């Protein structure tokens, strides 16, 4: 999965530093989420989606389809 967080931050006109502070995470951790170095917990993903006024599934783009069952 590829992060789409930066798109939503820019769309809303927020600063990454401000978003990280609102979520209660360090700028370092938040930077990893934005740059595909890590993923937020499910709880933080929902908080982030609420803050950015988008759906949780908007935060990431699937790069590889899951195999059919």
N, C-alpha and C. Protein backbone atom coordinates (compact mmCIF):
# COMPACT_ATOMS: atom_id res chain seq x y z
N UNK A 1 0.83 -1.18 0.00
CA UNK A 1 0.00 0.00 0.00
C UNK A 1 0.88 1.24 0.00
N UNK A 2 0.40 2.24 -0.70
CA UNK A 2 1.13 3.50 -0.79
C UNK A 2 0.32 4.58 -0.06
N UNK A 3 1.03 5.38 0.71
CA UNK A 3 0.38 6.44 1.47
C UNK A 3 -0.20 7.52 0.56
N UNK A 4 -1.41 7.93 0.88
CA UNK A 4 -2.08 9.02 0.18
C UNK A 4 -2.34 10.17 1.16
N UNK A 5 -1.70 10.10 2.33
CA UNK A 5 -1.91 11.07 3.40
C UNK A 5 -1.50 12.48 2.96
N UNK A 6 -0.38 12.58 2.30
CA UNK A 6 0.10 13.90 1.88
C UNK A 6 -0.92 14.61 0.98
N UNK A 7 -1.56 13.86 0.11
CA UNK A 7 -2.59 14.43 -0.77
C UNK A 7 -3.68 15.09 0.07
N UNK A 8 -4.16 14.38 1.09
CA UNK A 8 -5.26 14.90 1.92
C UNK A 8 -4.83 16.08 2.77
N UNK A 9 -3.57 16.06 3.24
CA UNK A 9 -3.06 17.19 4.01
C UNK A 9 -3.03 18.44 3.14
N UNK A 10 -2.50 18.30 1.92
CA UNK A 10 -2.44 19.44 1.00
C UNK A 10 -3.84 19.89 0.60
N UNK A 11 -4.73 18.95 0.36
CA UNK A 11 -6.10 19.29 -0.03
C UNK A 11 -6.79 20.13 1.04
N UNK A 12 -6.53 19.82 2.30
CA UNK A 12 -7.15 20.55 3.41
C UNK A 12 -6.38 21.81 3.79
N UNK A 13 -5.17 21.96 3.27
CA UNK A 13 -4.37 23.15 3.56
C UNK A 13 -3.71 23.13 4.93
N UNK A 14 -3.49 21.94 5.47
CA UNK A 14 -2.87 21.81 6.78
C UNK A 14 -1.36 21.68 6.66
N UNK A 15 -0.69 21.89 7.77
CA UNK A 15 0.75 21.65 7.87
C UNK A 15 0.94 20.30 8.56
N UNK A 16 1.93 19.54 8.11
CA UNK A 16 2.18 18.22 8.68
C UNK A 16 2.47 18.31 10.18
N UNK A 17 3.19 19.32 10.58
CA UNK A 17 3.52 19.53 12.00
C UNK A 17 2.25 19.67 12.83
N UNK A 18 1.29 20.42 12.31
CA UNK A 18 0.03 20.64 13.01
C UNK A 18 -0.77 19.34 13.10
N UNK A 19 -0.83 18.59 12.00
CA UNK A 19 -1.57 17.33 11.99
C UNK A 19 -0.97 16.35 13.00
N UNK A 20 0.35 16.25 13.01
CA UNK A 20 1.02 15.35 13.97
C UNK A 20 0.67 15.75 15.40
N UNK A 21 0.68 17.04 15.69
CA UNK A 21 0.35 17.52 17.04
C UNK A 21 -1.09 17.19 17.41
N UNK A 22 -2.01 17.34 16.46
CA UNK A 22 -3.42 17.03 16.72
C UNK A 22 -3.61 15.55 17.04
N UNK A 23 -2.79 14.71 16.44
CA UNK A 23 -2.89 13.26 16.66
C UNK A 23 -2.10 12.80 17.87
N UNK A 24 -1.28 13.69 18.41
CA UNK A 24 -0.47 13.33 19.57
C UNK A 24 0.68 12.40 19.24
N UNK A 25 1.22 12.54 18.03
CA UNK A 25 2.38 11.73 17.63
C UNK A 25 3.53 12.66 17.26
N UNK A 26 4.73 12.15 17.32
CA UNK A 26 5.89 12.97 16.96
C UNK A 26 5.91 13.23 15.45
N UNK A 27 6.59 14.27 15.07
CA UNK A 27 6.73 14.57 13.64
C UNK A 27 7.47 13.45 12.93
N UNK A 28 8.38 12.81 13.65
CA UNK A 28 9.15 11.69 13.09
C UNK A 28 8.24 10.53 12.73
N UNK A 29 7.38 10.16 13.66
CA UNK A 29 6.44 9.05 13.44
C UNK A 29 5.49 9.42 12.30
N UNK A 30 4.96 10.62 12.35
CA UNK A 30 4.02 11.04 11.31
C UNK A 30 4.68 11.05 9.94
N UNK A 31 5.92 11.49 9.88
CA UNK A 31 6.67 11.50 8.62
C UNK A 31 6.78 10.10 8.04
N UNK A 32 6.97 9.10 8.89
CA UNK A 32 7.04 7.71 8.43
C UNK A 32 5.73 7.27 7.80
N UNK A 33 4.61 7.69 8.42
CA UNK A 33 3.30 7.34 7.86
C UNK A 33 3.14 7.94 6.48
N UNK A 34 3.54 9.20 6.32
CA UNK A 34 3.38 9.92 5.06
C UNK A 34 4.30 9.34 3.98
N UNK A 35 5.51 8.93 4.38
CA UNK A 35 6.52 8.49 3.42
C UNK A 35 6.64 6.97 3.32
N UNK A 36 5.59 6.25 3.70
CA UNK A 36 5.55 4.79 3.58
C UNK A 36 6.60 4.06 4.40
N UNK A 37 7.06 4.67 5.50
CA UNK A 37 8.02 4.01 6.38
C UNK A 37 7.33 3.29 7.52
N UNK A 38 6.03 3.41 7.60
CA UNK A 38 5.26 2.78 8.66
C UNK A 38 3.79 3.09 8.47
N UNK A 39 2.97 2.47 9.25
CA UNK A 39 1.52 2.67 9.15
C UNK A 39 0.99 3.01 10.54
N UNK A 40 -0.03 3.86 10.59
CA UNK A 40 -0.63 4.18 11.90
C UNK A 40 -1.44 2.99 12.42
N UNK A 41 -1.65 2.99 13.72
CA UNK A 41 -2.55 1.99 14.29
C UNK A 41 -3.94 2.24 13.71
N UNK A 42 -4.81 1.29 13.83
CA UNK A 42 -6.16 1.45 13.32
C UNK A 42 -6.86 2.65 13.99
N UNK A 43 -6.65 2.78 15.30
CA UNK A 43 -7.24 3.91 16.02
C UNK A 43 -6.73 5.24 15.50
N UNK A 44 -5.43 5.35 15.28
CA UNK A 44 -4.84 6.60 14.77
C UNK A 44 -5.27 6.84 13.32
N UNK A 45 -5.44 5.79 12.55
CA UNK A 45 -5.90 5.94 11.16
C UNK A 45 -7.29 6.57 11.13
N UNK A 46 -8.17 6.13 12.03
CA UNK A 46 -9.51 6.71 12.10
C UNK A 46 -9.46 8.16 12.58
N UNK A 47 -8.59 8.45 13.55
CA UNK A 47 -8.44 9.83 14.02
C UNK A 47 -7.93 10.72 12.88
N UNK A 48 -6.97 10.21 12.13
CA UNK A 48 -6.41 10.96 11.01
C UNK A 48 -7.47 11.20 9.94
N UNK A 49 -8.23 10.19 9.62
CA UNK A 49 -9.29 10.33 8.61
C UNK A 49 -10.33 11.35 9.07
N UNK A 50 -10.69 11.33 10.34
CA UNK A 50 -11.64 12.32 10.87
C UNK A 50 -11.08 13.72 10.74
N UNK A 51 -9.81 13.88 11.10
CA UNK A 51 -9.16 15.18 11.04
C UNK A 51 -9.08 15.70 9.60
N UNK A 52 -8.80 14.80 8.66
CA UNK A 52 -8.65 15.20 7.26
C UNK A 52 -9.98 15.16 6.50
N UNK A 53 -11.04 14.79 7.22
CA UNK A 53 -12.37 14.72 6.62
C UNK A 53 -12.40 13.84 5.37
N UNK A 54 -11.90 12.62 5.57
CA UNK A 54 -11.92 11.63 4.49
C UNK A 54 -12.20 10.27 5.13
N UNK A 55 -12.28 9.25 4.33
CA UNK A 55 -12.46 7.89 4.82
C UNK A 55 -11.11 7.26 5.10
N UNK A 56 -11.08 6.30 6.00
CA UNK A 56 -9.82 5.62 6.30
C UNK A 56 -9.23 5.00 5.04
N UNK A 57 -10.05 4.42 4.20
CA UNK A 57 -9.52 3.79 2.99
C UNK A 57 -9.02 4.80 1.96
N UNK A 58 -9.27 6.09 2.18
CA UNK A 58 -8.70 7.13 1.30
C UNK A 58 -7.24 7.43 1.65
N UNK A 59 -6.80 7.03 2.83
CA UNK A 59 -5.46 7.36 3.30
C UNK A 59 -4.36 6.56 2.59
N UNK A 60 -4.72 5.41 2.04
CA UNK A 60 -3.74 4.56 1.36
C UNK A 60 -4.32 4.04 0.06
N UNK A 61 -3.44 3.84 -0.89
CA UNK A 61 -3.81 3.29 -2.19
C UNK A 61 -3.19 1.91 -2.28
N UNK A 62 -4.01 0.94 -2.65
CA UNK A 62 -3.50 -0.43 -2.78
C UNK A 62 -2.62 -0.50 -4.03
N UNK A 63 -1.42 -1.00 -3.87
CA UNK A 63 -0.50 -1.11 -5.00
C UNK A 63 -0.49 -2.51 -5.59
N UNK A 64 -0.96 -3.47 -4.82
CA UNK A 64 -0.99 -4.85 -5.31
C UNK A 64 -2.30 -5.46 -4.86
N UNK A 65 -3.04 -6.00 -5.78
CA UNK A 65 -4.32 -6.62 -5.44
C UNK A 65 -4.09 -7.91 -4.68
N UNK A 66 -4.97 -8.13 -3.72
CA UNK A 66 -4.92 -9.38 -2.96
C UNK A 66 -5.34 -10.53 -3.87
N UNK A 67 -4.74 -11.69 -3.69
CA UNK A 67 -5.11 -12.83 -4.53
C UNK A 67 -6.57 -13.23 -4.24
N UNK A 68 -7.28 -13.71 -5.25
CA UNK A 68 -8.68 -14.14 -5.03
C UNK A 68 -8.72 -15.34 -4.11
N UNK A 69 -9.81 -15.43 -3.38
CA UNK A 69 -9.96 -16.56 -2.44
C UNK A 69 -10.59 -17.73 -3.13
